[in-house]
Amino acid sequence: TNYAESVKGRFTISRDNAKNTVYLQMNSLRPDDTAVYYCNAH
């Protein structure tokens, strides 16, 4: 995993290959986290 500096320690990315799903757990949210969030597969 790797994270933007602004979210380190607050956000956690994980994946479940059995469910073909990726997650983003976002804790301690701040107003500057406001945005449209997009999923990417590469």
PDB file of all heavy atoms in Angstrom:
ATOM      1  N   THR A   1       0.814  -1.211   0.000  1.00  0.00           N
ATOM      2  CA  THR A   1       0.000   0.000   0.000  1.00  0.00           C
ATOM      3  C   THR A   1       0.849   1.265   0.000  1.00  0.00           C
ATOM      4  O   THR A   1       2.006   1.250   0.454  1.00  0.00           O
ATOM      5  CB  THR A   1      -0.927   0.042   1.222  1.00  0.00           C
ATOM      6  OG1 THR A   1      -0.138  -0.005   2.416  1.00  0.00           O
ATOM      7  CG2 THR A   1      -1.897  -1.132   1.217  1.00  0.00           C
ATOM      8  N   ASN A   2       0.282   2.334  -0.498  1.00  0.00           N
ATOM      9  CA  ASN A   2       0.883   3.648  -0.336  1.00  0.00           C
ATOM     10  C   ASN A   2      -0.226   4.688  -0.240  1.00  0.00           C
ATOM     11  O   ASN A   2      -1.339   4.477  -0.741  1.00  0.00           O
ATOM     12  CB  ASN A   2       1.879   3.991  -1.445  1.00  0.00           C
ATOM     13  CG  ASN A   2       1.244   4.163  -2.788  1.00  0.00           C
ATOM     14  OD1 ASN A   2       0.858   3.193  -3.421  1.00  0.00           O
ATOM     15  ND2 ASN A   2       1.107   5.400  -3.242  1.00  0.00           N
ATOM     16  N   TYR A   3       0.086   5.785   0.440  1.00  0.00           N
ATOM     17  CA  TYR A   3      -0.901   6.800   0.773  1.00  0.00           C
ATOM     18  C   TYR A   3      -0.379   8.205   0.502  1.00  0.00           C
ATOM     19  O   TYR A   3       0.821   8.464   0.620  1.00  0.00           O
ATOM     20  CB  TYR A   3      -1.262   6.712   2.268  1.00  0.00           C
ATOM     21  CG  TYR A   3      -1.887   5.415   2.672  1.00  0.00           C
ATOM     22  CD1 TYR A   3      -1.107   4.352   3.130  1.00  0.00           C
ATOM     23  CD2 TYR A   3      -3.269   5.239   2.601  1.00  0.00           C
ATOM     24  CE1 TYR A   3      -1.691   3.152   3.501  1.00  0.00           C
ATOM     25  CE2 TYR A   3      -3.857   4.054   2.980  1.00  0.00           C
ATOM     26  CZ  TYR A   3      -3.066   3.013   3.423  1.00  0.00           C
ATOM     27  OH  TYR A   3      -3.644   1.831   3.793  1.00  0.00           O
ATOM     28  N   ALA A   4      -1.297   9.087   0.203  1.00  0.00           N
ATOM     29  CA  ALA A   4      -0.958  10.505   0.185  1.00  0.00           C
ATOM     30  C   ALA A   4      -0.601  10.940   1.603  1.00  0.00           C
ATOM     31  O   ALA A   4      -1.180  10.427   2.577  1.00  0.00           O
ATOM     32  CB  ALA A   4      -2.137  11.322  -0.334  1.00  0.00           C
ATOM     33  N   GLU A   5       0.325  11.870   1.712  1.00  0.00           N
ATOM     34  CA  GLU A   5       0.756  12.316   3.036  1.00  0.00           C
ATOM     35  C   GLU A   5      -0.410  12.841   3.860  1.00  0.00           C
ATOM     36  O   GLU A   5      -0.460  12.644   5.079  1.00  0.00           O
ATOM     37  CB  GLU A   5       1.815  13.407   2.891  1.00  0.00           C
ATOM     38  CG  GLU A   5       3.200  12.902   2.501  1.00  0.00           C
ATOM     39  CD  GLU A   5       3.817  12.018   3.568  1.00  0.00           C
ATOM     40  OE1 GLU A   5       3.596  12.292   4.762  1.00  0.00           O
ATOM     41  OE2 GLU A   5       4.512  11.051   3.201  1.00  0.00           O
ATOM     42  N   SER A   6      -1.358  13.477   3.199  1.00  0.00           N
ATOM     43  CA  SER A   6      -2.459  14.125   3.912  1.00  0.00           C
ATOM     44  C   SER A   6      -3.418  13.131   4.569  1.00  0.00           C
ATOM     45  O   SER A   6      -4.201  13.529   5.441  1.00  0.00           O
ATOM     46  CB  SER A   6      -3.244  15.027   2.960  1.00  0.00           C
ATOM     47  OG  SER A   6      -3.796  14.263   1.898  1.00  0.00           O
ATOM     48  N   VAL A   7      -3.358  11.864   4.172  1.00  0.00           N
ATOM     49  CA  VAL A   7      -4.295  10.882   4.735  1.00  0.00           C
ATOM     50  C   VAL A   7      -3.600   9.792   5.546  1.00  0.00           C
ATOM     51  O   VAL A   7      -4.277   8.946   6.136  1.00  0.00           O
ATOM     52  CB  VAL A   7      -5.169  10.242   3.630  1.00  0.00           C
ATOM     53  CG1 VAL A   7      -5.846  11.316   2.791  1.00  0.00           C
ATOM     54  CG2 VAL A   7      -4.388   9.273   2.771  1.00  0.00           C
ATOM     55  N   LYS A   8      -2.285   9.803   5.566  1.00  0.00           N
ATOM     56  CA  LYS A   8      -1.557   8.776   6.325  1.00  0.00           C
ATOM     57  C   LYS A   8      -1.981   8.783   7.777  1.00  0.00           C
ATOM     58  O   LYS A   8      -2.069   9.835   8.413  1.00  0.00           O
ATOM     59  CB  LYS A   8      -0.048   9.010   6.219  1.00  0.00           C
ATOM     60  CG  LYS A   8       0.557   8.498   4.934  1.00  0.00           C
ATOM     61  CD  LYS A   8       2.065   8.683   4.938  1.00  0.00           C
ATOM     62  CE  LYS A   8       2.670   8.174   3.640  1.00  0.00           C
ATOM     63  NZ  LYS A   8       4.137   8.390   3.582  1.00  0.00           N
ATOM     64  N   GLY A   9      -2.232   7.593   8.301  1.00  0.00           N
ATOM     65  CA  GLY A   9      -2.649   7.466   9.688  1.00  0.00           C
ATOM     66  C   GLY A   9      -4.148   7.620   9.893  1.00  0.00           C
ATOM     67  O   GLY A   9      -4.658   7.336  10.974  1.00  0.00           O
ATOM     68  N   ARG A  10      -4.864   8.075   8.866  1.00  0.00           N
ATOM     69  CA  ARG A  10      -6.319   8.248   8.987  1.00  0.00           C
ATOM     70  C   ARG A  10      -7.088   7.320   8.051  1.00  0.00           C
ATOM     71  O   ARG A  10      -8.177   6.857   8.402  1.00  0.00           O
ATOM     72  CB  ARG A  10      -6.710   9.702   8.659  1.00  0.00           C
ATOM     73  CG  ARG A  10      -6.076  10.726   9.578  1.00  0.00           C
ATOM     74  CD  ARG A  10      -6.660  12.124   9.328  1.00  0.00           C
ATOM     75  NE  ARG A  10      -6.410  12.603   7.970  1.00  0.00           N
ATOM     76  CZ  ARG A  10      -7.369  12.977   7.121  1.00  0.00           C
ATOM     77  NH1 ARG A  10      -8.634  12.928   7.480  1.00  0.00           N
ATOM     78  NH2 ARG A  10      -7.045  13.413   5.904  1.00  0.00           N
ATOM     79  N   PHE A  11      -6.539   7.054   6.866  1.00  0.00           N
ATOM     80  CA  PHE A  11      -7.215   6.228   5.858  1.00  0.00           C
ATOM     81  C   PHE A  11      -6.494   4.891   5.722  1.00  0.00           C
ATOM     82  O   PHE A  11      -5.267   4.826   5.845  1.00  0.00           O
ATOM     83  CB  PHE A  11      -7.208   6.919   4.504  1.00  0.00           C
ATOM     84  CG  PHE A  11      -8.077   8.157   4.380  1.00  0.00           C
ATOM     85  CD1 PHE A  11      -8.648   8.755   5.497  1.00  0.00           C
ATOM     86  CD2 PHE A  11      -8.304   8.720   3.139  1.00  0.00           C
ATOM     87  CE1 PHE A  11      -9.432   9.890   5.380  1.00  0.00           C
ATOM     88  CE2 PHE A  11      -9.088   9.849   3.002  1.00  0.00           C
ATOM     89  CZ  PHE A  11      -9.643  10.434   4.124  1.00  0.00           C
ATOM     90  N   THR A  12      -7.260   3.863   5.410  1.00  0.00           N
ATOM     91  CA  THR A  12      -6.688   2.539   5.173  1.00  0.00           C
ATOM     92  C   THR A  12      -7.331   1.938   3.936  1.00  0.00           C
ATOM     93  O   THR A  12      -8.567   1.850   3.845  1.00  0.00           O
ATOM     94  CB  THR A  12      -6.928   1.607   6.368  1.00  0.00           C
ATOM     95  OG1 THR A  12      -6.361   2.183   7.548  1.00  0.00           O
ATOM     96  CG2 THR A  12      -6.287   0.248   6.117  1.00  0.00           C
ATOM     97  N   ILE A  13      -6.493   1.515   2.988  1.00  0.00           N
ATOM     98  CA  ILE A  13      -6.978   0.832   1.800  1.00  0.00           C
ATOM     99  C   ILE A  13      -6.783  -0.660   1.988  1.00  0.00           C
ATOM    100  O   ILE A  13      -5.782  -1.102   2.572  1.00  0.00           O
ATOM    101  CB  ILE A  13      -6.261   1.343   0.527  1.00  0.00           C
ATOM    102  CG1 ILE A  13      -6.936   0.785  -0.728  1.00  0.00           C
ATOM    103  CG2 ILE A  13      -4.775   1.037   0.560  1.00  0.00           C
ATOM    104  CD1 ILE A  13      -6.424   1.429  -2.028  1.00  0.00           C
ATOM    105  N   SER A  14      -7.746  -1.439   1.499  1.00  0.00           N
ATOM    106  CA  SER A  14      -7.639  -2.888   1.575  1.00  0.00           C
ATOM    107  C   SER A  14      -8.367  -3.490   0.380  1.00  0.00           C
ATOM    108  O   SER A  14      -9.153  -2.803  -0.288  1.00  0.00           O
ATOM    109  CB  SER A  14      -8.218  -3.416   2.884  1.00  0.00           C
ATOM    110  OG  SER A  14      -9.595  -3.090   2.997  1.00  0.00           O
ATOM    111  N   ARG A  15      -8.104  -4.757   0.131  1.00  0.00           N
ATOM    112  CA  ARG A  15      -8.757  -5.434  -0.975  1.00  0.00           C
ATOM    113  C   ARG A  15      -9.180  -6.830  -0.561  1.00  0.00           C
ATOM    114  O   ARG A  15      -8.529  -7.456   0.279  1.00  0.00           O
ATOM    115  CB  ARG A  15      -7.844  -5.481  -2.203  1.00  0.00           C
ATOM    116  CG  ARG A  15      -6.587  -6.295  -2.051  1.00  0.00           C
ATOM    117  CD  ARG A  15      -5.645  -6.087  -3.251  1.00  0.00           C
ATOM    118  NE  ARG A  15      -6.250  -6.523  -4.497  1.00  0.00           N
ATOM    119  CZ  ARG A  15      -5.849  -6.105  -5.696  1.00  0.00           C
ATOM    120  NH1 ARG A  15      -4.836  -5.259  -5.802  1.00  0.00           N
ATOM    121  NH2 ARG A  15      -6.443  -6.555  -6.787  1.00  0.00           N
ATOM    122  N   ASP A  16     -10.266  -7.298  -1.185  1.00  0.00           N
ATOM    123  CA  ASP A  16     -10.750  -8.651  -0.984  1.00  0.00           C
ATOM    124  C   ASP A  16     -10.856  -9.279  -2.365  1.00  0.00           C
ATOM    125  O   ASP A  16     -11.820  -9.019  -3.102  1.00  0.00           O
ATOM    126  CB  ASP A  16     -12.103  -8.633  -0.266  1.00  0.00           C
ATOM    127  CG  ASP A  16     -12.601 -10.015   0.090  1.00  0.00           C
ATOM    128  OD1 ASP A  16     -12.179 -10.994  -0.566  1.00  0.00           O
ATOM    129  OD2 ASP A  16     -13.420 -10.130   0.999  1.00  0.00           O
ATOM    130  N   ASN A  17      -9.876 -10.064  -2.738  1.00  0.00           N
ATOM    131  CA  ASN A  17      -9.849 -10.637  -4.083  1.00  0.00           C
ATOM    132  C   ASN A  17     -10.986 -11.639  -4.296  1.00  0.00           C
ATOM    133  O   ASN A  17     -11.413 -11.846  -5.429  1.00  0.00           O
ATOM    134  CB  ASN A  17      -8.500 -11.301  -4.354  1.00  0.00           C
ATOM    135  CG  ASN A  17      -7.380 -10.281  -4.508  1.00  0.00           C
ATOM    136  OD1 ASN A  17      -7.604  -9.106  -4.756  1.00  0.00           O
ATOM    137  ND2 ASN A  17      -6.149 -10.758  -4.348  1.00  0.00           N
ATOM    138  N   ALA A  18     -11.465 -12.238  -3.245  1.00  0.00           N
ATOM    139  CA  ALA A  18     -12.581 -13.181  -3.373  1.00  0.00           C
ATOM    140  C   ALA A  18     -13.878 -12.456  -3.742  1.00  0.00           C
ATOM    141  O   ALA A  18     -14.768 -13.038  -4.369  1.00  0.00           O
ATOM    142  CB  ALA A  18     -12.773 -13.953  -2.074  1.00  0.00           C
ATOM    143  N   LYS A  19     -13.974 -11.187  -3.355  1.00  0.00           N
ATOM    144  CA  LYS A  19     -15.181 -10.401  -3.634  1.00  0.00           C
ATOM    145  C   LYS A  19     -14.968  -9.374  -4.734  1.00  0.00           C
ATOM    146  O   LYS A  19     -15.865  -8.582  -5.034  1.00  0.00           O
ATOM    147  CB  LYS A  19     -15.647  -9.683  -2.359  1.00  0.00           C
ATOM    148  CG  LYS A  19     -16.095 -10.623  -1.254  1.00  0.00           C
ATOM    149  CD  LYS A  19     -16.605  -9.850  -0.048  1.00  0.00           C
ATOM    150  CE  LYS A  19     -17.101 -10.793   1.035  1.00  0.00           C
ATOM    151  NZ  LYS A  19     -17.589 -10.062   2.226  1.00  0.00           N
ATOM    152  N   ASN A  20     -13.763  -9.355  -5.316  1.00  0.00           N
ATOM    153  CA  ASN A  20     -13.440  -8.366  -6.365  1.00  0.00           C
ATOM    154  C   ASN A  20     -13.739  -6.939  -5.905  1.00  0.00           C
ATOM    155  O   ASN A  20     -14.288  -6.122  -6.659  1.00  0.00           O
ATOM    156  CB  ASN A  20     -14.227  -8.667  -7.650  1.00  0.00           C
ATOM    157  CG  ASN A  20     -13.726  -9.898  -8.371  1.00  0.00           C
ATOM    158  OD1 ASN A  20     -12.765 -10.537  -7.958  1.00  0.00           O
ATOM    159  ND2 ASN A  20     -14.397 -10.261  -9.456  1.00  0.00           N
ATOM    160  N   THR A  21     -13.358  -6.656  -4.687  1.00  0.00           N
ATOM    161  CA  THR A  21     -13.717  -5.376  -4.085  1.00  0.00           C
ATOM    162  C   THR A  21     -12.513  -4.747  -3.388  1.00  0.00           C
ATOM    163  O   THR A  21     -11.729  -5.455  -2.739  1.00  0.00           O
ATOM    164  CB  THR A  21     -14.867  -5.553  -3.079  1.00  0.00           C
ATOM    165  OG1 THR A  21     -16.010  -6.092  -3.762  1.00  0.00           O
ATOM    166  CG2 THR A  21     -15.256  -4.223  -2.438  1.00  0.00           C
ATOM    167  N   VAL A  22     -12.409  -3.439  -3.524  1.00  0.00           N
ATOM    168  CA  VAL A  22     -11.406  -2.671  -2.801  1.00  0.00           C
ATOM    169  C   VAL A  22     -12.139  -1.683  -1.890  1.00  0.00           C
ATOM    170  O   VAL A  22     -13.215  -1.182  -2.249  1.00  0.00           O
ATOM    171  CB  VAL A  22     -10.446  -1.944  -3.767  1.00  0.00           C
ATOM    172  CG1 VAL A  22     -11.169  -0.949  -4.643  1.00  0.00           C
ATOM    173  CG2 VAL A  22      -9.303  -1.294  -3.016  1.00  0.00           C
ATOM    174  N   TYR A  23     -11.555  -1.441  -0.735  1.00  0.00           N
ATOM    175  CA  TYR A  23     -12.182  -0.600   0.273  1.00  0.00           C
ATOM    176  C   TYR A  23     -11.267   0.564   0.635  1.00  0.00           C
ATOM    177  O   TYR A  23     -10.040   0.482   0.510  1.00  0.00           O
ATOM    178  CB  TYR A  23     -12.466  -1.402   1.543  1.00  0.00           C
ATOM    179  CG  TYR A  23     -13.302  -2.627   1.328  1.00  0.00           C
ATOM    180  CD1 TYR A  23     -12.711  -3.881   1.184  1.00  0.00           C
ATOM    181  CD2 TYR A  23     -14.687  -2.543   1.264  1.00  0.00           C
ATOM    182  CE1 TYR A  23     -13.474  -5.017   0.977  1.00  0.00           C
ATOM    183  CE2 TYR A  23     -15.463  -3.682   1.060  1.00  0.00           C
ATOM    184  CZ  TYR A  23     -14.847  -4.906   0.909  1.00  0.00           C
ATOM    185  OH  TYR A  23     -15.614  -6.031   0.713  1.00  0.00           O
ATOM    186  N   LEU A  24     -11.887   1.630   1.108  1.00  0.00           N
ATOM    187  CA  LEU A  24     -11.135   2.736   1.687  1.00  0.00           C
ATOM    188  C   LEU A  24     -11.828   3.113   2.989  1.00  0.00           C
ATOM    189  O   LEU A  24     -12.929   3.676   2.978  1.00  0.00           O
ATOM    190  CB  LEU A  24     -11.078   3.943   0.754  1.00  0.00           C
ATOM    191  CG  LEU A  24     -10.206   5.096   1.252  1.00  0.00           C
ATOM    192  CD1 LEU A  24      -8.731   4.671   1.272  1.00  0.00           C
ATOM    193  CD2 LEU A  24     -10.385   6.341   0.385  1.00  0.00           C
ATOM    194  N   GLN A  25     -11.192   2.762   4.090  1.00  0.00           N
ATOM    195  CA  GLN A  25     -11.691   3.150   5.405  1.00  0.00           C
ATOM    196  C   GLN A  25     -11.143   4.524   5.730  1.00  0.00           C
ATOM    197  O   GLN A  25      -9.918   4.713   5.751  1.00  0.00           O
ATOM    198  CB  GLN A  25     -11.255   2.141   6.463  1.00  0.00           C
ATOM    199  CG  GLN A  25     -11.691   2.493   7.876  1.00  0.00           C
ATOM    200  CD  GLN A  25     -13.188   2.446   8.060  1.00  0.00           C
ATOM    201  OE1 GLN A  25     -13.848   1.522   7.597  1.00  0.00           O
ATOM    202  NE2 GLN A  25     -13.744   3.441   8.743  1.00  0.00           N
ATOM    203  N   MET A  26     -12.030   5.467   5.969  1.00  0.00           N
ATOM    204  CA  MET A  26     -11.624   6.851   6.210  1.00  0.00           C
ATOM    205  C   MET A  26     -12.066   7.248   7.613  1.00  0.00           C
ATOM    206  O   MET A  26     -13.262   7.305   7.901  1.00  0.00           O
ATOM    207  CB  MET A  26     -12.269   7.779   5.166  1.00  0.00           C
ATOM    208  CG  MET A  26     -11.974   7.382   3.739  1.00  0.00           C
ATOM    209  SD  MET A  26     -12.572   8.575   2.523  1.00  0.00           S
ATOM    210  CE  MET A  26     -14.335   8.401   2.746  1.00  0.00           C
ATOM    211  N   ASN A  27     -11.089   7.495   8.474  1.00  0.00           N
ATOM    212  CA  ASN A  27     -11.357   7.903   9.845  1.00  0.00           C
ATOM    213  C   ASN A  27     -10.902   9.339  10.059  1.00  0.00           C
ATOM    214  O   ASN A  27     -10.130   9.885   9.274  1.00  0.00           O
ATOM    215  CB  ASN A  27     -10.627   6.982  10.814  1.00  0.00           C
ATOM    216  CG  ASN A  27     -11.067   5.540  10.721  1.00  0.00           C
ATOM    217  OD1 ASN A  27     -12.226   5.255  10.391  1.00  0.00           O
ATOM    218  ND2 ASN A  27     -10.166   4.613  10.994  1.00  0.00           N
ATOM    219  N   SER A  28     -11.394   9.931  11.133  1.00  0.00           N
ATOM    220  CA  SER A  28     -11.008  11.303  11.481  1.00  0.00           C
ATOM    221  C   SER A  28     -11.127  12.239  10.276  1.00  0.00           C
ATOM    222  O   SER A  28     -10.210  13.002   9.965  1.00  0.00           O
ATOM    223  CB  SER A  28      -9.573  11.325  12.024  1.00  0.00           C
ATOM    224  OG  SER A  28      -9.454  10.492  13.151  1.00  0.00           O
ATOM    225  N   LEU A  29     -12.248  12.174   9.632  1.00  0.00           N
ATOM    226  CA  LEU A  29     -12.442  12.971   8.424  1.00  0.00           C
ATOM    227  C   LEU A  29     -12.413  14.462   8.727  1.00  0.00           C
ATOM    228  O   LEU A  29     -12.843  14.901   9.800  1.00  0.00           O
ATOM    229  CB  LEU A  29     -13.757  12.581   7.748  1.00  0.00           C
ATOM    230  CG  LEU A  29     -13.680  11.278   6.943  1.00  0.00           C
ATOM    231  CD1 LEU A  29     -15.060  10.702   6.703  1.00  0.00           C
ATOM    232  CD2 LEU A  29     -12.947  11.508   5.634  1.00  0.00           C
ATOM    233  N   ARG A  30     -11.894  15.199   7.761  1.00  0.00           N
ATOM    234  CA  ARG A  30     -11.749  16.652   7.892  1.00  0.00           C
ATOM    235  C   ARG A  30     -12.484  17.326   6.740  1.00  0.00           C
ATOM    236  O   ARG A  30     -12.679  16.720   5.679  1.00  0.00           O
ATOM    237  CB  ARG A  30     -10.264  17.047   7.862  1.00  0.00           C
ATOM    238  CG  ARG A  30      -9.425  16.256   8.826  1.00  0.00           C
ATOM    239  CD  ARG A  30      -7.993  16.699   8.907  1.00  0.00           C
ATOM    240  NE  ARG A  30      -7.295  16.801   7.646  1.00  0.00           N
ATOM    241  CZ  ARG A  30      -5.999  16.554   7.502  1.00  0.00           C
ATOM    242  NH1 ARG A  30      -5.292  16.159   8.552  1.00  0.00           N
ATOM    243  NH2 ARG A  30      -5.427  16.704   6.332  1.00  0.00           N
ATOM    244  N   PRO A  31     -12.840  18.580   6.888  1.00  0.00           N
ATOM    245  CA  PRO A  31     -13.516  19.277   5.779  1.00  0.00           C
ATOM    246  C   PRO A  31     -12.712  19.261   4.481  1.00  0.00           C
ATOM    247  O   PRO A  31     -13.303  19.199   3.392  1.00  0.00           O
ATOM    248  CB  PRO A  31     -13.690  20.694   6.323  1.00  0.00           C
ATOM    249  CG  PRO A  31     -13.841  20.510   7.800  1.00  0.00           C
ATOM    250  CD  PRO A  31     -12.883  19.381   8.126  1.00  0.00           C
ATOM    251  N   ASP A  32     -11.389  19.275   4.575  1.00  0.00           N
ATOM    252  CA  ASP A  32     -10.599  19.274   3.341  1.00  0.00           C
ATOM    253  C   ASP A  32     -10.512  17.898   2.692  1.00  0.00           C
ATOM    254  O   ASP A  32      -9.858  17.737   1.652  1.00  0.00           O
ATOM    255  CB  ASP A  32      -9.202  19.871   3.559  1.00  0.00           C
ATOM    256  CG  ASP A  32      -8.366  19.107   4.563  1.00  0.00           C
ATOM    257  OD1 ASP A  32      -8.857  18.123   5.136  1.00  0.00           O
ATOM    258  OD2 ASP A  32      -7.201  19.501   4.779  1.00  0.00           O
ATOM    259  N   ASP A  33     -11.163  16.901   3.259  1.00  0.00           N
ATOM    260  CA  ASP A  33     -11.320  15.607   2.590  1.00  0.00           C
ATOM    261  C   ASP A  33     -12.517  15.608   1.649  1.00  0.00           C
ATOM    262  O   ASP A  33     -12.739  14.634   0.920  1.00  0.00           O
ATOM    263  CB  ASP A  33     -11.494  14.484   3.609  1.00  0.00           C
ATOM    264  CG  ASP A  33     -10.250  14.262   4.458  1.00  0.00           C
ATOM    265  OD1 ASP A  33      -9.139  14.260   3.894  1.00  0.00           O
ATOM    266  OD2 ASP A  33     -10.402  14.065   5.686  1.00  0.00           O
ATOM    267  N   THR A  34     -13.295  16.675   1.674  1.00  0.00           N
ATOM    268  CA  THR A  34     -14.465  16.772   0.802  1.00  0.00           C
ATOM    269  C   THR A  34     -14.045  16.729  -0.658  1.00  0.00           C
ATOM    270  O   THR A  34     -13.188  17.504  -1.090  1.00  0.00           O
ATOM    271  CB  THR A  34     -15.239  18.075   1.091  1.00  0.00           C
ATOM    272  OG1 THR A  34     -15.753  18.021   2.426  1.00  0.00           O
ATOM    273  CG2 THR A  34     -16.385  18.255   0.107  1.00  0.00           C
ATOM    274  N   ALA A  35     -14.641  15.797  -1.409  1.00  0.00           N
ATOM    275  CA  ALA A  35     -14.279  15.610  -2.818  1.00  0.00           C
ATOM    276  C   ALA A  35     -15.155  14.511  -3.407  1.00  0.00           C
ATOM    277  O   ALA A  35     -15.879  13.823  -2.678  1.00  0.00           O
ATOM    278  CB  ALA A  35     -12.811  15.207  -2.944  1.00  0.00           C
ATOM    279  N   VAL A  36     -15.044  14.352  -4.710  1.00  0.00           N
ATOM    280  CA  VAL A  36     -15.568  13.150  -5.356  1.00  0.00           C
ATOM    281  C   VAL A  36     -14.437  12.127  -5.358  1.00  0.00           C
ATOM    282  O   VAL A  36     -13.319  12.425  -5.791  1.00  0.00           O
ATOM    283  CB  VAL A  36     -16.044  13.432  -6.785  1.00  0.00           C
ATOM    284  CG1 VAL A  36     -16.535  12.141  -7.432  1.00  0.00           C
ATOM    285  CG2 VAL A  36     -17.165  14.478  -6.778  1.00  0.00           C
ATOM    286  N   TYR A  37     -14.729  10.947  -4.862  1.00  0.00           N
ATOM    287  CA  TYR A  37     -13.737   9.882  -4.763  1.00  0.00           C
ATOM    288  C   TYR A  37     -13.967   8.872  -5.887  1.00  0.00           C
ATOM    289  O   TYR A  37     -15.090   8.392  -6.078  1.00  0.00           O
ATOM    290  CB  TYR A  37     -13.819   9.198  -3.409  1.00  0.00           C
ATOM    291  CG  TYR A  37     -13.205  10.031  -2.307  1.00  0.00           C
ATOM    292  CD1 TYR A  37     -13.818  11.205  -1.868  1.00  0.00           C
ATOM    293  CD2 TYR A  37     -11.996   9.665  -1.717  1.00  0.00           C
ATOM    294  CE1 TYR A  37     -13.238  11.989  -0.878  1.00  0.00           C
ATOM    295  CE2 TYR A  37     -11.411  10.438  -0.727  1.00  0.00           C
ATOM    296  CZ  TYR A  37     -12.043  11.601  -0.316  1.00  0.00           C
ATOM    297  OH  TYR A  37     -11.464  12.376   0.665  1.00  0.00           O
ATOM    298  N   TYR A  38     -12.883   8.550  -6.596  1.00  0.00           N
ATOM    299  CA  TYR A  38     -12.939   7.650  -7.739  1.00  0.00           C
ATOM    300  C   TYR A  38     -12.102   6.399  -7.479  1.00  0.00           C
ATOM    301  O   TYR A  38     -10.981   6.481  -6.962  1.00  0.00           O
ATOM    302  CB  TYR A  38     -12.402   8.333  -8.990  1.00  0.00           C
ATOM    303  CG  TYR A  38     -13.205   9.511  -9.459  1.00  0.00           C
ATOM    304  CD1 TYR A  38     -12.901  10.796  -9.015  1.00  0.00           C
ATOM    305  CD2 TYR A  38     -14.256   9.355 -10.359  1.00  0.00           C
ATOM    306  CE1 TYR A  38     -13.639  11.892  -9.446  1.00  0.00           C
ATOM    307  CE2 TYR A  38     -14.997  10.444 -10.793  1.00  0.00           C
ATOM    308  CZ  TYR A  38     -14.685  11.707 -10.331  1.00  0.00           C
ATOM    309  OH  TYR A  38     -15.414  12.779 -10.764  1.00  0.00           O
ATOM    310  N   CYS A  39     -12.613   5.298  -7.903  1.00  0.00           N
ATOM    311  CA  CYS A  39     -11.899   4.029  -7.863  1.00  0.00           C
ATOM    312  C   CYS A  39     -11.166   3.830  -9.189  1.00  0.00           C
ATOM    313  O   CYS A  39     -11.707   4.172 -10.260  1.00  0.00           O
ATOM    314  CB  CYS A  39     -12.919   2.911  -7.643  1.00  0.00           C
ATOM    315  SG  CYS A  39     -12.257   1.243  -7.657  1.00  0.00           S
ATOM    316  N   ASN A  40      -9.960   3.301  -9.122  1.00  0.00           N
ATOM    317  CA  ASN A  40      -9.155   3.044 -10.318  1.00  0.00           C
ATOM    318  C   ASN A  40      -8.616   1.631 -10.293  1.00  0.00           C
ATOM    319  O   ASN A  40      -8.182   1.141  -9.247  1.00  0.00           O
ATOM    320  CB  ASN A  40      -8.001   4.047 -10.375  1.00  0.00           C
ATOM    321  CG  ASN A  40      -7.002   3.727 -11.463  1.00  0.00           C
ATOM    322  OD1 ASN A  40      -5.968   3.108 -11.211  1.00  0.00           O
ATOM    323  ND2 ASN A  40      -7.292   4.144 -12.677  1.00  0.00           N
ATOM    324  N   ALA A  41      -8.630   1.004 -11.455  1.00  0.00           N
ATOM    325  CA  ALA A  41      -8.001  -0.311 -11.637  1.00  0.00           C
ATOM    326  C   ALA A  41      -6.927  -0.162 -12.699  1.00  0.00           C
ATOM    327  O   ALA A  41      -7.188   0.362 -13.787  1.00  0.00           O
ATOM    328  CB  ALA A  41      -9.035  -1.342 -12.065  1.00  0.00           C
ATOM    329  N   HIS A  42      -5.718  -0.630 -12.377  1.00  0.00           N
ATOM    330  CA  HIS A  42      -4.587  -0.401 -13.273  1.00  0.00           C
ATOM    331  C   HIS A  42      -3.777  -1.671 -13.458  1.00  0.00           C
ATOM    332  O   HIS A  42      -3.461  -2.378 -12.487  1.00  0.00           O
ATOM    333  CB  HIS A  42      -3.689   0.685 -12.696  1.00  0.00           C
ATOM    334  CG  HIS A  42      -2.413   0.876 -13.457  1.00  0.00           C
ATOM    335  ND1 HIS A  42      -2.358   1.528 -14.675  1.00  0.00           N
ATOM    336  CD2 HIS A  42      -1.153   0.456 -13.199  1.00  0.00           C
ATOM    337  CE1 HIS A  42      -1.117   1.507 -15.115  1.00  0.00           C
ATOM    338  NE2 HIS A  42      -0.358   0.877 -14.237  1.00  0.00           N
TER     339      HIS A  42
END
